[in-house]
N, C-alpha and C. Protein backbone atom coordinates (compact mmCIF):
# COMPACT_ATOMS: atom_id res chain seq x y z
N UNK A 1 234.12 242.68 246.48
CA UNK A 1 233.23 241.85 245.71
C UNK A 1 231.80 241.86 245.78
N UNK A 2 231.31 241.47 244.82
CA UNK A 2 229.60 241.74 244.92
C UNK A 2 228.82 240.49 245.52
N UNK A 3 227.98 240.73 246.00
CA UNK A 3 227.26 239.75 247.10
C UNK A 3 226.57 238.61 246.19
N UNK A 4 226.40 239.00 244.55
CA UNK A 4 225.82 237.86 243.88
C UNK A 4 227.47 236.85 243.32
N UNK A 5 228.21 237.50 243.51
CA UNK A 5 229.50 236.53 243.48
C UNK A 5 229.76 235.71 244.45
N UNK A 6 229.55 236.34 245.68
CA UNK A 6 229.54 235.61 247.11
C UNK A 6 228.73 234.39 247.20
N UNK A 7 227.33 234.38 246.48
CA UNK A 7 226.51 233.62 246.49
C UNK A 7 226.49 232.50 245.55
N UNK A 8 227.21 232.99 244.46
CA UNK A 8 227.62 232.04 243.23
C UNK A 8 228.57 231.12 243.94
N UNK A 9 229.57 231.14 244.86
CA UNK A 9 230.59 230.60 245.10
C UNK A 9 230.10 229.78 246.45
N UNK A 10 229.34 230.17 247.18
CA UNK A 10 228.61 229.28 248.25
C UNK A 10 227.94 228.11 247.45
N UNK A 11 227.05 228.63 246.60
CA UNK A 11 225.97 227.59 245.94
C UNK A 11 227.17 226.46 245.00
N UNK A 12 227.98 227.23 244.61
CA UNK A 12 228.84 226.55 243.77
C UNK A 12 230.27 226.25 244.02
N UNK A 13 230.87 225.88 244.75
CA UNK A 13 232.44 226.44 245.22
C UNK A 13 233.17 225.92 244.09
N UNK A 14 232.90 225.01 243.24
CA UNK A 14 233.96 224.99 242.12
C UNK A 14 234.34 225.72 241.03
N UNK A 15 233.15 227.11 241.43
CA UNK A 15 233.77 228.12 240.42
C UNK A 15 234.89 229.09 241.13
N UNK A 16 235.28 228.94 242.36
CA UNK A 16 236.38 229.50 242.63
C UNK A 16 237.32 229.59 241.71
N UNK A 17 238.41 230.72 241.66
CA UNK A 17 239.48 230.91 240.62
C UNK A 17 240.57 231.57 241.73
N UNK A 18 241.84 231.88 240.98
CA UNK A 18 242.78 232.60 241.28
C UNK A 18 242.40 233.86 241.98
N UNK A 19 241.30 234.63 241.16
CA UNK A 19 240.67 235.82 241.55
C UNK A 19 240.33 235.87 242.49
N UNK A 20 239.33 234.92 243.06
CA UNK A 20 238.31 234.76 243.85
C UNK A 20 239.14 234.49 245.23
N UNK A 21 240.17 234.09 245.37
CA UNK A 21 241.23 233.76 246.68
C UNK A 21 241.60 235.47 247.15
N UNK A 22 241.92 236.33 246.19
CA UNK A 22 242.58 237.58 246.48
C UNK A 22 241.04 238.26 247.09
N UNK A 23 239.90 238.10 246.23
CA UNK A 23 238.67 238.87 246.81
C UNK A 23 238.49 238.29 248.05
N UNK A 24 238.50 237.07 248.16
CA UNK A 24 238.29 236.53 249.54
C UNK A 24 238.93 236.75 250.72
N UNK A 25 240.09 236.70 250.64
CA UNK A 25 241.29 237.35 251.58
C UNK A 25 240.57 238.63 252.01
N UNK A 26 240.42 239.64 251.04
CA UNK A 26 239.93 241.08 251.32
C UNK A 26 238.62 241.18 252.15
N UNK A 27 237.66 240.21 251.93
CA UNK A 27 236.64 239.93 252.67
C UNK A 27 236.67 239.54 253.96
N UNK A 28 237.81 238.45 254.05
CA UNK A 28 237.89 238.08 255.38
C UNK A 28 238.52 238.90 256.08
N UNK A 29 239.50 240.12 255.65
CA UNK A 29 240.09 240.83 256.55
C UNK A 29 239.25 242.15 257.16
N UNK A 30 238.51 242.22 256.13
CA UNK A 30 237.30 243.33 256.34
C UNK A 30 236.35 243.04 257.16
N UNK A 31 235.63 241.62 257.45
CA UNK A 31 234.93 241.14 258.26
C UNK A 31 235.35 239.87 258.64
N UNK A 32 236.18 240.01 260.03
CA UNK A 32 236.69 238.81 260.30
C UNK A 32 236.13 237.94 261.03
N UNK A 33 234.78 238.10 261.33
CA UNK A 33 234.13 237.03 261.65
C UNK A 33 233.08 236.12 261.16
N UNK A 34 233.26 236.90 259.62
CA UNK A 34 232.41 236.27 258.75
C UNK A 34 232.59 234.63 258.39
N UNK A 35 232.10 233.60 258.84
CA UNK A 35 232.56 232.40 258.64
C UNK A 35 232.86 231.67 257.15
N UNK A 36 231.36 232.26 256.40
CA UNK A 36 231.68 231.68 254.86
C UNK A 36 232.77 232.14 254.31
N UNK A 37 233.15 233.58 254.43
CA UNK A 37 234.29 234.03 253.97
C UNK A 37 235.74 233.18 254.06
N UNK A 38 235.64 232.82 255.13
CA UNK A 38 236.95 231.86 255.68
C UNK A 38 237.00 230.65 255.12
N UNK A 39 235.81 230.15 255.30
CA UNK A 39 235.24 228.75 254.56
C UNK A 39 235.54 228.90 253.14
N UNK A 40 235.52 229.66 252.25
CA UNK A 40 235.72 229.51 251.08
C UNK A 40 237.25 230.21 250.85
N UNK A 41 237.61 230.88 251.50
CA UNK A 41 239.12 231.57 251.38
C UNK A 41 239.86 230.23 251.38
N UNK A 42 239.74 229.48 252.34
CA UNK A 42 240.38 227.80 252.88
C UNK A 42 240.40 227.11 251.35
N UNK A 43 238.95 227.08 251.03
CA UNK A 43 238.79 226.12 249.65
C UNK A 43 239.58 226.52 248.71
N UNK A 44 239.51 227.67 248.27
CA UNK A 44 239.93 228.49 247.21
C UNK A 44 241.63 228.46 246.96
N UNK A 45 242.11 228.59 248.33
CA UNK A 45 243.90 228.68 248.40
C UNK A 45 244.00 227.38 248.42
N UNK A 46 243.53 226.33 248.60
CA UNK A 46 244.02 224.68 248.68
C UNK A 46 244.34 224.54 247.43
N UNK A 47 243.31 224.96 246.50
CA UNK A 47 243.38 224.82 244.85
C UNK A 47 244.66 225.76 244.32
N UNK A 48 244.61 226.86 244.90
CA UNK A 48 245.24 228.25 243.76
C UNK A 48 246.66 228.49 244.64
N UNK A 49 246.89 228.47 245.80
CA UNK A 49 247.90 229.56 246.60
C UNK A 49 247.95 228.54 248.03
N UNK A 50 249.40 227.57 247.86
CA UNK A 50 249.24 226.77 249.02
C UNK A 50 249.94 227.68 250.14
N UNK A 51 250.50 228.78 249.80
CA UNK A 51 251.02 229.40 250.81
C UNK A 51 250.16 230.42 252.09
N UNK A 52 249.15 230.85 251.10
CA UNK A 52 247.90 231.39 251.74
C UNK A 52 246.78 230.38 252.28
N UNK A 53 247.02 229.11 251.85
CA UNK A 53 246.02 227.90 252.55
C UNK A 53 246.57 227.66 253.82
N UNK A 54 247.95 227.86 253.93
CA UNK A 54 248.50 227.50 255.27
C UNK A 54 248.03 228.56 256.60
N UNK A 55 247.91 229.83 255.96
CA UNK A 55 247.84 230.67 257.09
C UNK A 55 245.91 230.70 257.42
N UNK A 56 245.43 230.64 256.01
CA UNK A 56 243.83 230.72 256.34
C UNK A 56 242.96 229.68 256.73
N UNK A 57 243.89 228.15 256.86
CA UNK A 57 243.24 227.15 257.46
C UNK A 57 243.41 227.44 259.25
N UNK A 58 244.38 228.11 259.66
CA UNK A 58 244.32 228.11 261.09
C UNK A 58 243.64 229.43 261.44
N UNK A 59 243.34 230.33 260.48
CA UNK A 59 242.38 231.39 261.10
C UNK A 59 241.02 230.95 261.11
N UNK A 60 240.75 229.91 260.00
CA UNK A 60 239.56 229.17 259.73
C UNK A 60 238.98 228.37 260.92
N UNK A 61 240.03 227.71 261.34
CA UNK A 61 239.72 226.46 262.34
C UNK A 61 239.24 227.37 263.61
N UNK A 62 239.99 228.66 263.83
CA UNK A 62 239.44 229.48 265.00
C UNK A 62 238.30 230.04 265.13
N UNK A 63 237.94 230.32 263.86
CA UNK A 63 236.82 231.22 263.71
C UNK A 63 235.63 230.64 263.31
N UNK A 64 235.49 229.45 262.92
CA UNK A 64 234.48 228.51 262.28
C UNK A 64 233.95 227.55 263.69
N UNK A 65 232.94 227.59 263.91
CA UNK A 65 232.11 226.87 264.98
C UNK A 65 231.88 225.37 264.26
N UNK A 66 231.93 224.78 265.60
CA UNK A 66 231.77 223.26 265.34
C UNK A 66 230.44 222.78 264.56
């Protein structure tokens, strides 16, 4: 995932699509404590992939601070 893509998703989460879910999964696996990646993955998977959403939501709850 390119840095410009990540920044555009952070600024405009409505741009998240099916392809971004796969890219964000790779990013979250590569950098497990990167909070923004987990948040965006949960947001993207909620729209596009319910099975990924259930898994990502649990991990996001653990990784992201209050």
